């Protein structure tokens, strides 16, 4: 299965005291570039989340955001800061005695003292206890992301197959002109040799030998053979399961560009040159699309 490197996934799970929502966004990248964001109380989830993501994604930049909503105690209880309470009551007593201030300290007064009442953990680590809820949300988000990437990958595969089919037609037409291209080059050499032979001191035999060597160098048959071989290799990858297919086709695209450039530079045929330009334009579309395939 071909996988795009772009997509979005969302997962949500609920527990007795918590709701976890996970959003995963993916874009193309040469390698796996993973960024996770968890609330401060649940940072211990991040290594586990990274492991789950690496099991399902090979390439791409992944931004995964975890949002936690709490509506229970989450393993926390309320405690009184005894030291602060003693200090507060002692100062209140001293003020009454030294300054003659009347009145008693009430519970209302105590509730207004900052930090007098504090939360303290009760029982086990809440991050550990609630991890199963978070894990379910993460896997749901990655499953949705995977479906989106597969759908986009399948669409891009069809687009690429159409482009490669057009390239095969162009390559076949270029091949059909190899003999004509060579003949046109030979005709130009003959005209040049005839002009040079009229000049004094020029050895016509040597000229024909040099022309034969140059004609052989201008033959684009080998480039056409390699071009057909690379396109056949790309066709084979369309039938592959999709593992790292993006990198493999990207390499073949570079090789195809090289053969087209060489053929275009060597060609003496105007039609061949035009076909090479058209093929390179089509190949550039393939190069842009393949950057987003895993």
Protein backbone atom coordinates (compact mmCIF):
# COMPACT_ATOMS: atom_id res chain seq x y z
CA UNK A 1 0.00 0.00 0.00
CA UNK A 2 1.30 3.42 -0.98
CA UNK A 3 1.25 5.94 1.85
CA UNK A 4 1.24 9.71 1.54
CA UNK A 5 3.20 11.64 4.14
CA UNK A 6 0.42 14.17 4.69
CA UNK A 7 -2.73 13.66 6.71
CA UNK A 8 -4.64 14.34 9.89
CA UNK A 9 -5.98 12.05 12.60
CA UNK A 10 -7.99 12.56 15.77
CA UNK A 11 -8.74 10.21 18.64
CA UNK A 12 -10.76 10.66 21.82
CA UNK A 13 -11.20 8.34 24.80
CA UNK A 14 -13.03 8.85 28.11
CA UNK A 15 -12.40 7.45 31.57
CA UNK A 16 -14.10 7.89 34.92
CA UNK A 17 -12.03 10.95 35.80
CA UNK A 18 -10.50 12.03 32.53
CA UNK A 19 -11.03 12.67 28.83
CA UNK A 20 -8.07 12.50 26.45
CA UNK A 21 -8.11 13.98 22.95
CA UNK A 22 -5.20 13.39 20.58
CA UNK A 23 -4.64 15.19 17.27
CA UNK A 24 -1.92 14.08 14.84
CA UNK A 25 -0.84 16.09 11.80
CA UNK A 26 1.67 14.83 9.25
CA UNK A 27 3.57 16.52 6.41
CA UNK A 28 6.38 15.31 4.18
CA UNK A 29 9.96 15.05 5.47
CA UNK A 30 13.05 13.11 4.42
CA UNK A 31 13.09 11.19 7.70
CA UNK A 32 10.80 10.65 10.69
CA UNK A 33 10.62 13.93 12.59
CA UNK A 34 8.34 13.48 15.60
CA UNK A 35 7.07 16.21 17.92
CA UNK A 36 4.75 15.43 20.84
CA UNK A 37 3.09 17.78 23.29
CA UNK A 38 1.57 16.53 26.55
CA UNK A 39 0.32 18.43 29.62
CA UNK A 40 2.95 18.86 32.32
CA UNK A 41 1.41 16.26 34.63
CA UNK A 42 1.55 13.65 31.89
CA UNK A 43 4.98 14.17 30.34
CA UNK A 44 5.82 10.56 31.24
CA UNK A 45 3.48 9.52 28.41
CA UNK A 46 5.72 10.98 25.71
CA UNK A 47 8.28 8.14 25.39
CA UNK A 48 5.46 5.60 25.06
CA UNK A 49 3.65 7.75 22.51
CA UNK A 50 6.85 8.09 20.46
CA UNK A 51 7.23 4.32 20.44
CA UNK A 52 3.67 3.81 19.18
CA UNK A 53 4.16 6.40 16.41
CA UNK A 54 7.44 4.84 15.26
CA UNK A 55 5.70 1.49 14.92
CA UNK A 56 3.19 2.92 12.42
CA UNK A 57 5.05 5.73 10.58
CA UNK A 58 8.39 5.49 8.76
CA UNK A 59 8.84 8.96 7.27
CA UNK A 60 7.33 12.41 7.65
CA UNK A 61 7.08 15.22 10.16
CA UNK A 62 4.50 14.27 12.80
CA UNK A 63 3.03 16.80 15.24
CA UNK A 64 1.00 15.03 17.92
CA UNK A 65 -0.87 17.07 20.52
CA UNK A 66 -2.44 15.50 23.62
CA UNK A 67 -5.19 17.40 25.41
CA UNK A 68 -6.45 16.20 28.82
CA UNK A 69 -9.67 17.29 30.51
CA UNK A 70 -10.04 16.32 34.16
CA UNK A 71 -13.23 16.19 36.19
CA UNK A 72 -12.24 13.95 39.08
CA UNK A 73 -9.65 13.94 41.85
CA UNK A 74 -7.13 12.14 39.64
CA UNK A 75 -5.45 10.66 42.70
CA UNK A 76 -5.14 13.98 44.52
CA UNK A 77 -6.36 14.97 47.98
CA UNK A 78 -6.58 18.27 49.87
CA UNK A 79 -4.05 18.87 52.63
CA UNK A 80 -3.57 21.74 55.12
CA UNK A 81 -0.20 23.44 55.22
CA UNK A 82 0.29 23.00 58.98
CA UNK A 83 3.37 25.20 59.17
CA UNK A 84 1.61 28.08 57.44
CA UNK A 85 -1.47 27.58 59.65
CA UNK A 86 0.58 27.77 62.86
CA UNK A 87 2.35 30.88 61.61
CA UNK A 88 -0.94 32.55 60.66
CA UNK A 89 -2.64 31.79 64.02
CA UNK A 90 0.45 32.87 65.95
CA UNK A 91 0.59 36.21 64.16
CA UNK A 92 -3.14 36.73 64.70
CA UNK A 93 -2.71 36.11 68.43
CA UNK A 94 0.26 38.47 68.65
CA UNK A 95 -1.68 41.25 66.92
CA UNK A 96 -4.59 40.87 69.37
CA UNK A 97 -2.32 40.95 72.40
CA UNK A 98 0.03 43.72 71.31
CA UNK A 99 -2.42 46.01 69.60
CA UNK A 100 -5.67 45.21 71.36
CA UNK A 101 -7.40 44.11 68.20
CA UNK A 102 -10.57 42.15 68.98
CA UNK A 103 -12.24 39.36 67.06
CA UNK A 104 -11.66 35.69 66.48
CA UNK A 105 -10.15 33.88 63.50
CA UNK A 106 -12.89 32.04 61.63
CA UNK A 107 -12.84 29.34 58.96
CA UNK A 108 -13.79 31.99 56.41
CA UNK A 109 -10.61 33.86 57.32
CA UNK A 110 -8.54 30.70 56.88
CA UNK A 111 -10.04 29.95 53.46
CA UNK A 112 -8.80 33.32 52.23
CA UNK A 113 -5.15 32.58 53.12
CA UNK A 114 -3.18 31.77 49.93
CA UNK A 115 -1.57 28.33 49.79
CA UNK A 116 -3.01 27.26 53.14
CA UNK A 117 -4.85 24.42 51.46
CA UNK A 118 -2.83 22.39 48.98
CA UNK A 119 -3.44 19.35 46.82
CA UNK A 120 -1.31 16.31 47.46
CA UNK A 121 -1.09 12.99 45.58
CA UNK A 122 -3.09 10.10 46.95
CA UNK A 123 -2.44 6.55 45.81
CA UNK A 124 -0.47 5.77 42.62
CA UNK A 125 0.86 8.04 39.90
CA UNK A 126 -2.18 9.40 37.98
CA UNK A 127 -0.20 9.40 34.70
CA UNK A 128 0.45 5.70 35.10
CA UNK A 129 -3.10 4.89 36.16
CA UNK A 130 -4.65 6.81 33.27
CA UNK A 131 -2.23 5.74 30.54
CA UNK A 132 -4.64 3.12 29.08
CA UNK A 133 -7.10 5.92 28.27
CA UNK A 134 -4.40 8.00 26.62
CA UNK A 135 -3.01 5.02 24.72
CA UNK A 136 -6.43 4.30 23.24
CA UNK A 137 -6.77 7.91 22.06
CA UNK A 138 -3.28 7.86 20.52
CA UNK A 139 -3.96 4.66 18.62
CA UNK A 140 -7.32 5.97 17.40
CA UNK A 141 -5.67 9.16 16.11
CA UNK A 142 -2.92 7.21 14.34
CA UNK A 143 -5.49 4.84 12.80
CA UNK A 144 -7.41 7.79 11.36
CA UNK A 145 -4.14 9.36 10.19
CA UNK A 146 -3.17 6.08 8.53
CA UNK A 147 -6.46 5.91 6.62
CA UNK A 148 -6.03 9.49 5.41
CA UNK A 149 -2.44 8.81 4.32
CA UNK A 150 -3.46 5.61 2.51
CA UNK A 151 -6.30 7.34 0.64
CA UNK A 152 -4.02 10.18 -0.42
CA UNK A 153 -1.27 7.73 -1.33
CA UNK A 154 -3.63 5.74 -3.56
CA UNK A 155 -4.77 8.91 -5.34
CA UNK A 156 -1.17 10.03 -5.87
CA UNK A 157 -0.24 6.58 -7.17
CA UNK A 158 -2.87 6.87 -9.91
CA UNK A 159 -1.63 10.34 -10.85
CA UNK A 160 1.96 9.10 -11.02
CA UNK A 161 0.99 6.09 -13.12
CA UNK A 162 -0.64 8.42 -15.65
CA UNK A 163 2.50 10.57 -15.77
CA UNK A 164 4.77 7.55 -16.20
CA UNK A 165 2.54 6.22 -18.98
CA UNK A 166 2.95 9.54 -20.81
CA UNK A 167 6.70 9.34 -20.27
CA UNK A 168 6.77 5.85 -21.77
CA UNK A 169 4.99 7.14 -24.88
CA UNK A 170 7.48 10.00 -25.19
CA UNK A 171 10.44 7.67 -24.66
CA UNK A 172 9.10 5.33 -27.34
CA UNK A 173 8.76 8.22 -29.79
CA UNK A 174 12.31 9.38 -29.02
CA UNK A 175 13.58 5.85 -29.67
CA UNK A 176 11.77 5.75 -33.01
CA UNK A 177 13.76 8.80 -34.12
CA UNK A 178 17.23 7.50 -33.20
CA UNK A 179 18.07 6.39 -36.73
CA UNK A 180 16.76 9.62 -38.25
CA UNK A 181 18.67 11.62 -35.63
CA UNK A 182 21.89 9.83 -36.54
CA UNK A 183 21.28 10.37 -40.26
CA UNK A 184 20.71 14.08 -39.78
CA UNK A 185 23.94 14.34 -37.80
CA UNK A 186 25.76 12.42 -40.55
CA UNK A 187 24.38 14.75 -43.21
CA UNK A 188 25.68 17.75 -41.32
CA UNK A 189 29.11 16.13 -41.02
CA UNK A 190 29.18 15.34 -44.73
CA UNK A 191 28.43 18.94 -45.60
CA UNK A 192 31.14 20.13 -43.23
CA UNK A 193 33.65 17.57 -44.53
CA UNK A 194 32.94 18.60 -48.12
CA UNK A 195 33.60 22.22 -47.22
CA UNK A 196 36.81 21.40 -45.33
CA UNK A 197 38.08 19.02 -48.04
CA UNK A 198 38.22 21.92 -50.46
CA UNK A 199 40.75 23.63 -48.24
CA UNK A 200 44.46 22.96 -48.79
CA UNK A 201 46.29 20.65 -46.41
CA UNK A 202 43.25 18.84 -45.06
CA UNK A 203 43.32 15.03 -45.12
CA UNK A 204 39.82 13.84 -46.11
CA UNK A 205 40.46 10.32 -44.78
CA UNK A 206 41.28 11.70 -41.33
CA UNK A 207 38.20 13.89 -41.49
CA UNK A 208 35.97 10.88 -42.16
CA UNK A 209 37.56 8.98 -39.28
CA UNK A 210 36.96 11.85 -36.86
CA UNK A 211 33.40 12.23 -38.15
CA UNK A 212 32.71 8.52 -37.56
CA UNK A 213 33.90 8.83 -33.95
CA UNK A 214 31.74 11.91 -33.36
CA UNK A 215 28.72 10.25 -34.94
CA UNK A 216 29.08 7.32 -32.58
CA UNK A 217 29.20 9.71 -29.63
CA UNK A 218 26.05 11.46 -30.85
CA UNK A 219 24.09 8.20 -31.05
CA UNK A 220 21.32 8.23 -28.41
CA UNK A 221 20.43 4.53 -28.61
CA UNK A 222 22.09 3.72 -25.28
CA UNK A 223 20.30 6.60 -23.56
CA UNK A 224 16.99 5.30 -24.93
CA UNK A 225 17.78 1.80 -23.63
CA UNK A 226 18.59 3.07 -20.14
CA UNK A 227 15.55 5.35 -20.19
CA UNK A 228 13.28 2.38 -21.00
CA UNK A 229 14.95 0.32 -18.26
CA UNK A 230 14.39 3.02 -15.62
CA UNK A 231 10.73 3.43 -16.62
CA UNK A 232 10.25 -0.33 -16.39
CA UNK A 233 11.72 -0.22 -12.87
CA UNK A 234 9.25 2.51 -11.92
CA UNK A 235 6.38 0.39 -13.28
CA UNK A 236 7.55 -2.48 -11.10
CA UNK A 237 7.46 -0.25 -8.02
CA UNK A 238 3.81 0.54 -8.70
CA UNK A 239 3.14 -3.12 -7.94
CA UNK A 240 5.32 -3.19 -4.82
CA UNK A 241 3.83 -3.18 -1.28
CA UNK A 242 5.00 0.39 -0.80
CA UNK A 243 7.87 0.07 1.69
CA UNK A 244 10.18 3.09 1.13
CA UNK A 245 8.89 3.26 -2.45
CA UNK A 246 9.15 7.06 -2.38
CA UNK A 247 12.94 7.06 -2.00
CA UNK A 248 13.36 4.40 -4.69
CA UNK A 249 11.28 6.27 -7.28
CA UNK A 250 13.00 9.54 -6.36
CA UNK A 251 16.34 7.91 -7.22
CA UNK A 252 15.00 6.57 -10.53
CA UNK A 253 13.60 10.00 -11.39
CA UNK A 254 17.09 11.46 -11.03
CA UNK A 255 18.47 8.76 -13.35
CA UNK A 256 15.73 9.42 -15.92
CA UNK A 257 16.53 13.14 -15.83
CA UNK A 258 20.16 12.31 -16.48
CA UNK A 259 19.36 10.19 -19.55
CA UNK A 260 16.97 12.79 -20.94
CA UNK A 261 19.55 15.54 -20.49
CA UNK A 262 22.21 13.49 -22.24
CA UNK A 263 19.90 12.58 -25.12
CA UNK A 264 18.82 16.19 -25.52
CA UNK A 265 22.41 17.45 -25.55
CA UNK A 266 23.53 14.82 -28.10
CA UNK A 267 20.52 15.10 -30.39
CA UNK A 268 20.77 16.77 -33.80
CA UNK A 269 17.03 16.28 -34.41
CA UNK A 270 14.64 19.12 -33.63
CA UNK A 271 11.77 16.74 -32.88
CA UNK A 272 13.90 14.74 -30.44
CA UNK A 273 14.87 17.95 -28.64
CA UNK A 274 11.21 18.96 -28.38
CA UNK A 275 10.22 15.54 -27.05
CA UNK A 276 12.99 15.69 -24.43
CA UNK A 277 11.72 19.07 -23.21
CA UNK A 278 8.16 17.68 -22.95
CA UNK A 279 9.39 14.58 -21.12
CA UNK A 280 11.41 16.64 -18.63
CA UNK A 281 8.34 18.79 -17.91
CA UNK A 282 6.28 15.66 -17.21
CA UNK A 283 9.07 14.19 -15.11
CA UNK A 284 9.22 17.33 -12.99
CA UNK A 285 5.58 16.69 -12.05
CA UNK A 286 6.55 13.18 -10.96
CA UNK A 287 9.42 14.54 -8.90
CA UNK A 288 7.14 16.97 -7.06
CA UNK A 289 4.53 14.30 -6.33
CA UNK A 290 6.97 11.63 -5.20
CA UNK A 291 8.37 13.89 -2.48
CA UNK A 292 5.16 13.23 -0.56
CA UNK A 293 5.26 9.42 -0.78
CA UNK A 294 6.62 7.48 2.19
